[in-house]
Amino acid sequence: MTAVDARTAEAEAAPRAWLDGVNPVTKIALALLLSVPLFASIDATSALVAIVLQIACIPLTGLAALTVLKRMLPILVFAPVAGLSMLLYAEPGGTVYWSFWYATISDDSIALAIAVCLRVLALALPTILLFGRTDPTELADALAQVAKLPSRFVLGVLAGTRTLGLFLDDWRSMGLARRARGVGDSGAVRRFFSMAFVLLVFAVRRGTKLAMAMEARGFGSGIRRTWARPSRLHPRDAVALLGGTVIMALAIGAAVAAGTFRFVWS
């Protein structure tokens, strides 16, 4: 049994959460619903309210809070980078605290930087919550049967998704092998780029072999395909979309009530 199959079996054995019964296509629509309205305004209030409401929905996803935090860690690290440019180069307004050449820190730039950081978190969190336990095969079934996407595209997405977990295993194996040979304890930056290049080579080779194997099995033919597991929409999908609409309505409404809502083009 491969690592991907082991993880899939573990996910199937885990207790089903409420969100597990929502169709993957509905999850995609829900992710857009929880993200697109946030682009209409850059303010801290709507993003903060959206984050709080999304965090309150964690029990519905079946994910542990610690798991969500670990998956959000890269976003938490890089979100301030997005806010830094706004902090230094946004149009100044209010009290100016520091200025050097083109860089200026003022009340408006600080507020904008905080809003951008929170907005990055609010945009990333729904993806982690919605797709943290989604099975790639169920996603492919939904894309083909509900979204009516071409089977060739769907099967390519499925094959690529199921190989993502192998990258972590390859990275871990390469690190252990290099350390066993005594070349993995120094030069962290050089080791990272060296391992990344090797991983890229592995990915190209694996992708080529996978494409040839799929072509040999007829996955690239134009014959109309059938699907082993039916994928349908249920009332729970409507409830999920309604919940997402309520979350966005409350977030935008809170910003309007607080007087912080402003269109991005204003």
Protein backbone atom coordinates (compact mmCIF):
# COMPACT_ATOMS: atom_id res chain seq x y z
CA MET A 1 0.00 0.00 0.00
CA THR A 2 1.39 3.40 -0.99
CA ALA A 3 1.48 6.44 1.27
CA VAL A 4 -1.37 8.05 -0.67
CA ASP A 5 -3.53 4.94 -0.33
CA ALA A 6 -2.73 4.77 3.37
CA ARG A 7 -3.82 8.36 3.87
CA THR A 8 -6.99 7.75 1.87
CA ALA A 9 -7.82 4.67 3.96
CA GLU A 10 -7.17 6.62 7.15
CA ALA A 11 -9.47 9.42 5.98
CA GLU A 12 -12.22 6.93 5.13
CA ALA A 13 -11.88 5.27 8.54
CA ALA A 14 -12.15 8.60 10.39
CA PRO A 15 -15.59 9.67 11.69
CA ARG A 16 -17.49 11.61 9.04
CA ALA A 17 -18.02 15.28 9.73
CA TRP A 18 -20.97 17.37 8.57
CA LEU A 19 -18.95 18.93 5.75
CA ASP A 20 -17.98 15.49 4.42
CA GLY A 21 -21.54 15.12 3.13
CA VAL A 22 -21.27 18.26 0.99
CA ASN A 23 -20.55 17.72 -2.70
CA PRO A 24 -17.01 18.80 -3.73
CA VAL A 25 -18.41 21.04 -6.47
CA THR A 26 -20.47 22.81 -3.81
CA LYS A 27 -17.28 23.23 -1.79
CA ILE A 28 -15.64 24.94 -4.77
CA ALA A 29 -18.65 27.27 -5.12
CA LEU A 30 -18.58 27.86 -1.37
CA ALA A 31 -14.88 28.73 -1.47
CA LEU A 32 -15.60 31.33 -4.16
CA LEU A 33 -18.56 32.63 -2.18
CA LEU A 34 -16.39 33.09 0.91
CA SER A 35 -13.60 34.77 -1.04
CA VAL A 36 -14.88 36.90 -3.92
CA PRO A 37 -16.96 39.37 -1.82
CA LEU A 38 -13.87 40.18 0.24
CA PHE A 39 -12.24 41.67 -2.87
CA ALA A 40 -14.88 44.40 -2.95
CA SER A 41 -13.41 46.22 0.03
CA ILE A 42 -10.11 46.52 1.85
CA ASP A 43 -10.95 46.92 5.50
CA ALA A 44 -10.04 45.09 8.66
CA THR A 45 -13.59 44.68 10.00
CA SER A 46 -15.06 42.48 7.26
CA ALA A 47 -11.97 40.28 7.11
CA LEU A 48 -11.82 39.88 10.90
CA VAL A 49 -15.52 39.00 11.16
CA ALA A 50 -15.16 36.49 8.31
CA ILE A 51 -12.17 34.85 10.02
CA VAL A 52 -14.00 34.57 13.36
CA LEU A 53 -17.11 33.05 11.77
CA GLN A 54 -15.03 30.62 9.71
CA ILE A 55 -13.09 29.53 12.79
CA ALA A 56 -16.41 28.92 14.54
CA CYS A 57 -17.25 26.44 11.73
CA ILE A 58 -14.17 24.26 12.34
CA PRO A 59 -16.19 21.57 14.24
CA LEU A 60 -18.26 21.06 11.07
CA THR A 61 -15.16 20.23 9.02
CA GLY A 62 -13.86 17.34 11.14
CA LEU A 63 -10.42 18.95 11.33
CA ALA A 64 -8.66 19.51 14.64
CA ALA A 65 -7.88 23.11 15.53
CA LEU A 66 -4.19 22.24 15.78
CA THR A 67 -4.27 20.75 12.27
CA VAL A 68 -5.83 23.94 10.90
CA LEU A 69 -3.18 26.00 12.67
CA LYS A 70 -0.35 23.92 11.21
CA ARG A 71 -1.75 24.25 7.70
CA MET A 72 -2.23 27.99 8.16
CA LEU A 73 1.33 28.46 9.43
CA PRO A 74 2.86 29.29 6.01
CA ILE A 75 0.08 31.84 5.43
CA LEU A 76 0.66 33.34 8.88
CA VAL A 77 4.35 33.70 8.05
CA PHE A 78 3.94 35.27 4.62
CA ALA A 79 0.82 37.41 5.23
CA PRO A 80 2.87 40.22 6.84
CA VAL A 81 4.94 40.37 3.64
CA ALA A 82 1.82 41.39 1.73
CA GLY A 83 1.05 44.04 4.34
CA LEU A 84 4.59 45.42 4.39
CA SER A 85 4.34 46.96 0.93
CA MET A 86 1.09 48.67 1.93
CA LEU A 87 2.66 49.86 5.18
CA LEU A 88 5.53 51.55 3.37
CA TYR A 89 4.14 52.62 0.00
CA ALA A 90 0.39 53.18 0.46
CA GLU A 91 -0.95 56.70 0.01
CA PRO A 92 -0.23 58.49 3.30
CA GLY A 93 -3.03 59.91 5.38
CA GLY A 94 -3.53 61.08 8.94
CA THR A 95 -0.51 61.32 11.21
CA VAL A 96 2.82 60.55 9.53
CA TYR A 97 5.12 58.57 11.84
CA TRP A 98 8.11 57.94 9.58
CA SER A 99 9.17 58.91 6.09
CA PHE A 100 12.18 58.13 3.94
CA TRP A 101 12.25 58.77 0.19
CA TYR A 102 9.17 56.98 -1.24
CA ALA A 103 8.43 55.03 1.96
CA THR A 104 6.00 56.63 4.40
CA ILE A 105 4.30 55.18 7.45
CA SER A 106 1.09 56.93 8.42
CA ASP A 107 -2.27 56.16 10.02
CA ASP A 108 -3.84 55.19 6.71
CA SER A 109 -0.94 52.97 5.64
CA ILE A 110 -0.97 51.14 9.00
CA ALA A 111 -4.71 50.52 8.75
CA LEU A 112 -4.35 49.35 5.15
CA ALA A 113 -1.47 47.00 6.03
CA ILE A 114 -3.50 45.40 8.85
CA ALA A 115 -6.50 45.04 6.53
CA VAL A 116 -4.41 43.37 3.82
CA CYS A 117 -2.86 40.90 6.28
CA LEU A 118 -6.26 39.93 7.66
CA ARG A 119 -7.69 39.67 4.16
CA VAL A 120 -4.96 37.22 3.12
CA LEU A 121 -5.85 35.03 6.10
CA ALA A 122 -9.57 35.32 5.36
CA LEU A 123 -8.99 34.24 1.75
CA ALA A 124 -6.78 31.27 2.63
CA LEU A 125 -8.76 29.86 5.56
CA PRO A 126 -11.85 28.68 3.58
CA THR A 127 -9.71 26.59 1.23
CA ILE A 128 -8.04 24.81 4.13
CA LEU A 129 -11.33 24.19 5.95
CA LEU A 130 -13.29 23.09 2.88
CA PHE A 131 -10.75 20.82 1.20
CA GLY A 132 -8.76 19.54 4.18
CA ARG A 133 -10.61 16.18 4.11
CA THR A 134 -11.84 16.07 0.51
CA ASP A 135 -11.01 12.80 -1.24
CA PRO A 136 -9.46 13.35 -4.71
CA THR A 137 -11.61 10.60 -6.24
CA GLU A 138 -14.81 12.20 -4.91
CA LEU A 139 -13.63 15.52 -6.31
CA ALA A 140 -13.06 13.97 -9.73
CA ASP A 141 -16.49 12.27 -9.66
CA ALA A 142 -18.14 15.59 -8.82
CA LEU A 143 -16.27 17.55 -11.49
CA ALA A 144 -17.28 15.05 -14.15
CA GLN A 145 -20.87 14.32 -13.13
CA VAL A 146 -22.02 17.57 -11.52
CA ALA A 147 -19.84 20.23 -13.15
CA LYS A 148 -19.88 18.30 -16.48
CA LEU A 149 -16.18 18.89 -17.15
CA PRO A 150 -14.39 16.80 -19.81
CA SER A 151 -13.26 13.41 -18.51
CA ARG A 152 -9.74 13.87 -19.89
CA PHE A 153 -9.27 17.02 -17.81
CA VAL A 154 -10.88 15.46 -14.73
CA LEU A 155 -8.71 12.35 -14.83
CA GLY A 156 -5.60 14.51 -15.25
CA VAL A 157 -6.58 16.52 -12.18
CA LEU A 158 -7.20 13.31 -10.24
CA ALA A 159 -3.84 11.83 -11.21
CA GLY A 160 -2.01 15.03 -10.31
CA THR A 161 -3.83 15.43 -7.00
CA ARG A 162 -3.11 11.88 -5.88
CA THR A 163 0.61 12.33 -6.53
CA LEU A 164 0.91 15.49 -4.44
CA GLY A 165 1.30 13.48 -1.26
CA LEU A 166 4.22 11.62 -2.80
CA PHE A 167 6.25 14.83 -2.90
CA LEU A 168 6.33 15.00 0.89
CA ASP A 169 7.44 11.37 1.07
CA ASP A 170 10.16 11.98 -1.54
CA TRP A 171 11.37 15.08 0.33
CA ARG A 172 11.50 13.21 3.63
CA SER A 173 13.33 10.25 2.06
CA MET A 174 15.88 12.52 0.39
CA GLY A 175 16.53 14.32 3.66
CA LEU A 176 17.10 11.07 5.54
CA ALA A 177 19.34 9.72 2.78
CA ARG A 178 21.49 12.87 2.71
CA ARG A 179 21.80 12.87 6.48
CA ALA A 180 22.81 9.21 6.45
CA ARG A 181 25.60 10.10 4.02
CA GLY A 182 26.73 12.99 6.22
CA VAL A 183 25.76 15.78 3.81
CA GLY A 184 22.52 16.92 5.36
CA ASP A 185 23.62 18.78 8.48
CA SER A 186 25.08 21.99 7.02
CA GLY A 187 24.38 24.51 4.28
CA ALA A 188 20.61 24.72 4.75
CA VAL A 189 20.01 27.06 1.82
CA ARG A 190 22.18 25.09 -0.60
CA ARG A 191 20.62 21.83 0.61
CA PHE A 192 17.12 23.21 0.03
CA PHE A 193 17.75 24.22 -3.59
CA SER A 194 19.61 20.99 -4.30
CA MET A 195 16.76 18.86 -2.95
CA ALA A 196 14.19 21.04 -4.73
CA PHE A 197 15.92 20.42 -8.06
CA VAL A 198 16.02 16.66 -7.43
CA LEU A 199 12.35 16.75 -6.47
CA LEU A 200 11.58 18.56 -9.74
CA VAL A 201 13.38 15.82 -11.68
CA PHE A 202 11.41 13.16 -9.80
CA ALA A 203 8.15 14.98 -10.58
CA VAL A 204 8.90 15.21 -14.31
CA ARG A 205 9.85 11.54 -14.52
CA ARG A 206 6.82 10.43 -12.51
CA GLY A 207 4.53 12.64 -14.58
CA THR A 208 5.88 11.23 -17.83
CA LYS A 209 5.45 7.63 -16.68
CA LEU A 210 1.98 8.37 -15.35
CA ALA A 211 0.89 10.00 -18.60
CA MET A 212 2.15 7.05 -20.65
CA ALA A 213 0.43 4.57 -18.33
CA MET A 214 -2.86 6.44 -18.52
CA GLU A 215 -2.68 6.66 -22.32
CA ALA A 216 -1.96 2.91 -22.50
CA ARG A 217 -5.07 2.21 -20.42
CA GLY A 218 -7.27 4.32 -22.69
CA PHE A 219 -7.79 7.28 -20.38
CA GLY A 220 -7.09 9.68 -23.24
CA SER A 221 -9.63 8.24 -25.67
CA GLY A 222 -12.69 10.16 -26.79
CA ILE A 223 -15.08 7.40 -25.74
CA ARG A 224 -17.75 8.52 -23.31
CA ARG A 225 -16.73 7.33 -19.85
CA THR A 226 -18.78 5.88 -17.05
CA TRP A 227 -18.15 6.48 -13.35
CA ALA A 228 -18.19 3.86 -10.62
CA ARG A 229 -19.51 6.15 -7.91
CA PRO A 230 -22.42 8.53 -8.57
CA SER A 231 -22.05 12.13 -7.44
CA ARG A 232 -25.23 14.12 -6.78
CA LEU A 233 -26.33 17.31 -5.08
CA HIS A 234 -28.37 17.07 -1.87
CA PRO A 235 -30.24 19.50 0.40
CA ARG A 236 -27.12 19.72 2.55
CA ASP A 237 -25.38 21.50 -0.34
CA ALA A 238 -28.03 24.22 -0.31
CA VAL A 239 -27.62 24.58 3.46
CA ALA A 240 -23.85 24.96 3.03
CA LEU A 241 -24.27 27.66 0.39
CA LEU A 242 -26.81 29.43 2.57
CA GLY A 243 -24.37 29.34 5.48
CA GLY A 244 -21.61 30.81 3.32
CA THR A 245 -23.96 33.57 2.19
CA VAL A 246 -24.83 34.37 5.81
CA ILE A 247 -21.14 34.53 6.77
CA MET A 248 -20.36 36.96 3.95
CA ALA A 249 -23.48 39.04 4.64
CA LEU A 250 -22.52 39.37 8.30
CA ALA A 251 -18.90 40.24 7.44
CA ILE A 252 -19.80 42.90 4.88
CA GLY A 253 -22.67 44.17 7.05
CA ALA A 254 -20.34 44.56 10.03
CA ALA A 255 -17.94 46.64 7.92
CA VAL A 256 -20.77 48.85 6.67
CA ALA A 257 -22.14 49.28 10.21
CA ALA A 258 -18.68 50.16 11.53
CA GLY A 259 -18.14 52.66 8.71
CA THR A 260 -14.95 50.98 7.52
CA PHE A 261 -16.30 49.52 4.28
CA ARG A 262 -14.81 51.14 1.19
CA PHE A 263 -14.74 49.90 -2.37
CA VAL A 264 -11.33 49.04 -3.70
CA TRP A 265 -11.73 51.45 -6.61
CA SER A 266 -12.84 54.38 -4.46
